[in-house]
Amino acid sequence: MNRRDGEDRSRTPSLPNEMIWLLFGFGALLATAPVWRLAIYGYNPSVDELLRVICMVPR
């Protein structure tokens, strides 16, 4: 039941192309987070400052 090249492809796991592209896009988004976060917020917030913005806590 082996193929001509000697590899049984029915047992090798494969991901659909869409899933691979989604994972690649998510990884690129995370890798470039410092750049786009600076462009969106206008400053580079610390975790505490970011939580204040998200939770709308006044200073």
PDB file of N, CA and C in Angstrom:
ATOM      1  N   MET A   1       0.796  -1.186   0.000  1.00  0.00           N
ATOM      2  CA  MET A   1       0.000   0.000   0.000  1.00  0.00           C
ATOM      3  C   MET A   1       0.849   1.265   0.000  1.00  0.00           C
ATOM      4  N   ASN A   2       2.133   1.129  -0.141  1.00  0.00           N
ATOM      5  CA  ASN A   2       2.989   2.303  -0.192  1.00  0.00           C
ATOM      6  C   ASN A   2       2.971   2.922  -1.580  1.00  0.00           C
ATOM      7  N   ARG A   3       3.211   4.192  -1.611  1.00  0.00           N
ATOM      8  CA  ARG A   3       3.289   4.875  -2.901  1.00  0.00           C
ATOM      9  C   ARG A   3       4.615   4.557  -3.571  1.00  0.00           C
ATOM     10  N   ARG A   4       4.742   5.046  -4.752  1.00  0.00           N
ATOM     11  CA  ARG A   4       5.937   4.746  -5.515  1.00  0.00           C
ATOM     12  C   ARG A   4       7.196   5.290  -4.837  1.00  0.00           C
ATOM     13  N   ASP A   5       7.084   6.462  -4.162  1.00  0.00           N
ATOM     14  CA  ASP A   5       8.256   7.037  -3.503  1.00  0.00           C
ATOM     15  C   ASP A   5       8.528   6.412  -2.133  1.00  0.00           C
ATOM     16  N   GLY A   6       7.716   5.427  -1.726  1.00  0.00           N
ATOM     17  CA  GLY A   6       7.948   4.721  -0.481  1.00  0.00           C
ATOM     18  C   GLY A   6       7.383   5.412   0.740  1.00  0.00           C
ATOM     19  N   GLU A   7       6.563   6.428   0.560  1.00  0.00           N
ATOM     20  CA  GLU A   7       6.011   7.179   1.684  1.00  0.00           C
ATOM     21  C   GLU A   7       4.498   7.000   1.727  1.00  0.00           C
ATOM     22  N   ASP A   8       3.990   6.637   2.883  1.00  0.00           N
ATOM     23  CA  ASP A   8       2.544   6.476   3.059  1.00  0.00           C
ATOM     24  C   ASP A   8       1.985   7.802   3.563  1.00  0.00           C
ATOM     25  N   ARG A   9       1.364   8.559   2.688  1.00  0.00           N
ATOM     26  CA  ARG A   9       0.890   9.898   3.040  1.00  0.00           C
ATOM     27  C   ARG A   9      -0.428   9.883   3.784  1.00  0.00           C
ATOM     28  N   SER A  10      -1.086   8.752   3.874  1.00  0.00           N
ATOM     29  CA  SER A  10      -2.356   8.694   4.587  1.00  0.00           C
ATOM     30  C   SER A  10      -2.158   8.835   6.097  1.00  0.00           C
ATOM     31  N   ARG A  11      -0.968   8.599   6.590  1.00  0.00           N
ATOM     32  CA  ARG A  11      -0.713   8.682   8.024  1.00  0.00           C
ATOM     33  C   ARG A  11      -0.037   9.977   8.434  1.00  0.00           C
ATOM     34  N   THR A  12       0.365  10.797   7.497  1.00  0.00           N
ATOM     35  CA  THR A  12       1.021  12.047   7.851  1.00  0.00           C
ATOM     36  C   THR A  12      -0.036  13.109   8.106  1.00  0.00           C
ATOM     37  N   PRO A  13       0.023  13.787   9.254  1.00  0.00           N
ATOM     38  CA  PRO A  13      -0.968  14.821   9.541  1.00  0.00           C
ATOM     39  C   PRO A  13      -0.739  16.043   8.658  1.00  0.00           C
ATOM     40  N   SER A  14      -1.813  16.664   8.260  1.00  0.00           N
ATOM     41  CA  SER A  14      -1.677  17.862   7.445  1.00  0.00           C
ATOM     42  C   SER A  14      -2.712  18.882   7.896  1.00  0.00           C
ATOM     43  N   LEU A  15      -2.332  20.139   7.805  1.00  0.00           N
ATOM     44  CA  LEU A  15      -3.223  21.239   8.121  1.00  0.00           C
ATOM     45  C   LEU A  15      -3.731  21.845   6.827  1.00  0.00           C
ATOM     46  N   PRO A  16      -4.951  22.311   6.811  1.00  0.00           N
ATOM     47  CA  PRO A  16      -5.431  22.995   5.617  1.00  0.00           C
ATOM     48  C   PRO A  16      -4.646  24.292   5.405  1.00  0.00           C
ATOM     49  N   ASN A  17      -4.565  24.714   4.168  1.00  0.00           N
ATOM     50  CA  ASN A  17      -3.801  25.922   3.841  1.00  0.00           C
ATOM     51  C   ASN A  17      -4.315  27.134   4.594  1.00  0.00           C
ATOM     52  N   GLU A  18      -5.621  27.225   4.804  1.00  0.00           N
ATOM     53  CA  GLU A  18      -6.168  28.377   5.508  1.00  0.00           C
ATOM     54  C   GLU A  18      -5.643  28.453   6.935  1.00  0.00           C
ATOM     55  N   MET A  19      -5.537  27.300   7.586  1.00  0.00           N
ATOM     56  CA  MET A  19      -5.053  27.267   8.961  1.00  0.00           C
ATOM     57  C   MET A  19      -3.577  27.672   9.024  1.00  0.00           C
ATOM     58  N   ILE A  20      -2.810  27.237   8.074  1.00  0.00           N
ATOM     59  CA  ILE A  20      -1.395  27.598   8.035  1.00  0.00           C
ATOM     60  C   ILE A  20      -1.245  29.103   7.861  1.00  0.00           C
ATOM     61  N   TRP A  21      -2.033  29.693   6.954  1.00  0.00           N
ATOM     62  CA  TRP A  21      -1.958  31.139   6.728  1.00  0.00           C
ATOM     63  C   TRP A  21      -2.453  31.918   7.935  1.00  0.00           C
ATOM     64  N   LEU A  22      -3.481  31.417   8.630  1.00  0.00           N
ATOM     65  CA  LEU A  22      -3.949  32.086   9.845  1.00  0.00           C
ATOM     66  C   LEU A  22      -2.879  32.067  10.937  1.00  0.00           C
ATOM     67  N   LEU A  23      -2.219  30.940  11.107  1.00  0.00           N
ATOM     68  CA  LEU A  23      -1.151  30.854  12.093  1.00  0.00           C
ATOM     69  C   LEU A  23       0.014  31.767  11.729  1.00  0.00           C
ATOM     70  N   PHE A  24       0.351  31.811  10.447  1.00  0.00           N
ATOM     71  CA  PHE A  24       1.428  32.691   9.994  1.00  0.00           C
ATOM     72  C   PHE A  24       1.058  34.152  10.242  1.00  0.00           C
ATOM     73  N   GLY A  25      -0.186  34.530   9.924  1.00  0.00           N
ATOM     74  CA  GLY A  25      -0.628  35.909  10.128  1.00  0.00           C
ATOM     75  C   GLY A  25      -0.646  36.283  11.599  1.00  0.00           C
ATOM     76  N   PHE A  26      -1.103  35.371  12.451  1.00  0.00           N
ATOM     77  CA  PHE A  26      -1.118  35.634  13.885  1.00  0.00           C
ATOM     78  C   PHE A  26       0.302  35.791  14.419  1.00  0.00           C
ATOM     79  N   GLY A  27       1.211  34.967  13.934  1.00  0.00           N
ATOM     80  CA  GLY A  27       2.611  35.084  14.355  1.00  0.00           C
ATOM     81  C   GLY A  27       3.232  36.391  13.902  1.00  0.00           C
ATOM     82  N   ALA A  28       2.921  36.816  12.685  1.00  0.00           N
ATOM     83  CA  ALA A  28       3.434  38.094  12.189  1.00  0.00           C
ATOM     84  C   ALA A  28       2.851  39.255  12.985  1.00  0.00           C
ATOM     85  N   LEU A  29       1.580  39.149  13.352  1.00  0.00           N
ATOM     86  CA  LEU A  29       0.942  40.187  14.155  1.00  0.00           C
ATOM     87  C   LEU A  29       1.614  40.305  15.519  1.00  0.00           C
ATOM     88  N   LEU A  30       1.888  39.184  16.146  1.00  0.00           N
ATOM     89  CA  LEU A  30       2.563  39.204  17.441  1.00  0.00           C
ATOM     90  C   LEU A  30       4.006  39.701  17.332  1.00  0.00           C
ATOM     91  N   ALA A  31       4.674  39.318  16.272  1.00  0.00           N
ATOM     92  CA  ALA A  31       6.070  39.714  16.109  1.00  0.00           C
ATOM     93  C   ALA A  31       6.214  41.208  15.884  1.00  0.00           C
ATOM     94  N   THR A  32       5.229  41.822  15.252  1.00  0.00           N
ATOM     95  CA  THR A  32       5.309  43.252  14.957  1.00  0.00           C
ATOM     96  C   THR A  32       4.514  44.096  15.949  1.00  0.00           C
ATOM     97  N   ALA A  33       4.079  43.512  17.061  1.00  0.00           N
ATOM     98  CA  ALA A  33       3.265  44.231  18.042  1.00  0.00           C
ATOM     99  C   ALA A  33       3.913  45.518  18.551  1.00  0.00           C
ATOM    100  N   PRO A  34       5.204  45.544  18.851  1.00  0.00           N
ATOM    101  CA  PRO A  34       5.772  46.814  19.324  1.00  0.00           C
ATOM    102  C   PRO A  34       5.639  47.951  18.311  1.00  0.00           C
ATOM    103  N   VAL A  35       5.684  47.656  17.044  1.00  0.00           N
ATOM    104  CA  VAL A  35       5.608  48.698  16.019  1.00  0.00           C
ATOM    105  C   VAL A  35       4.188  49.212  15.875  1.00  0.00           C
ATOM    106  N   TRP A  36       3.208  48.325  15.694  1.00  0.00           N
ATOM    107  CA  TRP A  36       1.849  48.811  15.478  1.00  0.00           C
ATOM    108  C   TRP A  36       1.221  49.323  16.764  1.00  0.00           C
ATOM    109  N   ARG A  37       1.667  48.838  17.904  1.00  0.00           N
ATOM    110  CA  ARG A  37       1.153  49.373  19.162  1.00  0.00           C
ATOM    111  C   ARG A  37       1.595  50.818  19.337  1.00  0.00           C
ATOM    112  N   LEU A  38       2.819  51.116  18.957  1.00  0.00           N
ATOM    113  CA  LEU A  38       3.320  52.483  19.022  1.00  0.00           C
ATOM    114  C   LEU A  38       2.558  53.381  18.053  1.00  0.00           C
ATOM    115  N   ALA A  39       2.240  52.860  16.862  1.00  0.00           N
ATOM    116  CA  ALA A  39       1.504  53.651  15.882  1.00  0.00           C
ATOM    117  C   ALA A  39       0.057  53.876  16.317  1.00  0.00           C
ATOM    118  N   ILE A  40      -0.570  52.907  16.957  1.00  0.00           N
ATOM    119  CA  ILE A  40      -1.974  53.035  17.360  1.00  0.00           C
ATOM    120  C   ILE A  40      -2.110  53.934  18.586  1.00  0.00           C
ATOM    121  N   TYR A  41      -1.339  53.677  19.615  1.00  0.00           N
ATOM    122  CA  TYR A  41      -1.487  54.415  20.862  1.00  0.00           C
ATOM    123  C   TYR A  41      -0.710  55.732  20.878  1.00  0.00           C
ATOM    124  N   GLY A  42       0.289  55.864  20.025  1.00  0.00           N
ATOM    125  CA  GLY A  42       1.092  57.079  20.017  1.00  0.00           C
ATOM    126  C   GLY A  42       2.197  57.061  21.056  1.00  0.00           C
ATOM    127  N   TYR A  43       2.202  56.044  21.878  1.00  0.00           N
ATOM    128  CA  TYR A  43       3.255  55.859  22.861  1.00  0.00           C
ATOM    129  C   TYR A  43       3.370  54.373  23.148  1.00  0.00           C
ATOM    130  N   ASN A  44       4.402  54.003  23.836  1.00  0.00           N
ATOM    131  CA  ASN A  44       4.617  52.591  24.147  1.00  0.00           C
ATOM    132  C   ASN A  44       4.195  52.355  25.596  1.00  0.00           C
ATOM    133  N   PRO A  45       2.951  51.938  25.828  1.00  0.00           N
ATOM    134  CA  PRO A  45       2.465  51.806  27.202  1.00  0.00           C
ATOM    135  C   PRO A  45       3.047  50.597  27.919  1.00  0.00           C
ATOM    136  N   SER A  46       3.214  50.764  29.219  1.00  0.00           N
ATOM    137  CA  SER A  46       3.585  49.607  30.022  1.00  0.00           C
ATOM    138  C   SER A  46       2.329  48.781  30.250  1.00  0.00           C
ATOM    139  N   VAL A  47       2.472  47.646  30.899  1.00  0.00           N
ATOM    140  CA  VAL A  47       1.313  46.786  31.143  1.00  0.00           C
ATOM    141  C   VAL A  47       0.301  47.507  32.030  1.00  0.00           C
ATOM    142  N   ASP A  48       0.782  48.218  33.036  1.00  0.00           N
ATOM    143  CA  ASP A  48      -0.115  48.944  33.934  1.00  0.00           C
ATOM    144  C   ASP A  48      -0.871  50.040  33.179  1.00  0.00           C
ATOM    145  N   GLU A  49      -0.174  50.791  32.340  1.00  0.00           N
ATOM    146  CA  GLU A  49      -0.835  51.843  31.558  1.00  0.00           C
ATOM    147  C   GLU A  49      -1.808  51.249  30.553  1.00  0.00           C
ATOM    148  N   LEU A  50      -1.463  50.135  29.973  1.00  0.00           N
ATOM    149  CA  LEU A  50      -2.351  49.486  29.011  1.00  0.00           C
ATOM    150  C   LEU A  50      -3.624  48.988  29.694  1.00  0.00           C
ATOM    151  N   LEU A  51      -3.507  48.451  30.894  1.00  0.00           N
ATOM    152  CA  LEU A  51      -4.689  48.009  31.630  1.00  0.00           C
ATOM    153  C   LEU A  51      -5.575  49.192  32.017  1.00  0.00           C
ATOM    154  N   ARG A  52      -4.972  50.333  32.308  1.00  0.00           N
ATOM    155  CA  ARG A  52      -5.770  51.525  32.603  1.00  0.00           C
ATOM    156  C   ARG A  52      -6.559  51.968  31.384  1.00  0.00           C
ATOM    157  N   VAL A  53      -5.950  51.893  30.214  1.00  0.00           N
ATOM    158  CA  VAL A  53      -6.648  52.273  28.986  1.00  0.00           C
ATOM    159  C   VAL A  53      -7.773  51.293  28.705  1.00  0.00           C
ATOM    160  N   ILE A  54      -7.517  49.994  28.851  1.00  0.00           N
ATOM    161  CA  ILE A  54      -8.519  48.979  28.558  1.00  0.00           C
ATOM    162  C   ILE A  54      -9.675  49.050  29.557  1.00  0.00           C
ATOM    163  N   CYS A  55      -9.366  49.229  30.834  1.00  0.00           N
ATOM    164  CA  CYS A  55     -10.400  49.222  31.877  1.00  0.00           C
ATOM    165  C   CYS A  55     -11.006  50.594  32.112  1.00  0.00           C
ATOM    166  N   MET A  56     -10.534  51.626  31.420  1.00  0.00           N
ATOM    167  CA  MET A  56     -11.032  52.998  31.557  1.00  0.00           C
ATOM    168  C   MET A  56     -10.946  53.502  32.989  1.00  0.00           C
ATOM    169  N   VAL A  57      -9.816  53.270  33.647  1.00  0.00           N
ATOM    170  CA  VAL A  57      -9.617  53.716  35.011  1.00  0.00           C
ATOM    171  C   VAL A  57      -8.995  55.113  34.969  1.00  0.00           C
ATOM    172  N   PRO A  58      -9.622  56.100  35.634  1.00  0.00           N
ATOM    173  CA  PRO A  58      -9.017  57.440  35.655  1.00  0.00           C
ATOM    174  C   PRO A  58      -7.784  57.458  36.535  1.00  0.00           C
ATOM    175  N   ARG A  59      -6.894  58.389  36.247  1.00  0.00           N
ATOM    176  CA  ARG A  59      -5.657  58.489  37.035  1.00  0.00           C
ATOM    177  C   ARG A  59      -5.905  59.137  38.348  1.00  0.00           C
TER     178      ARG A  59
END
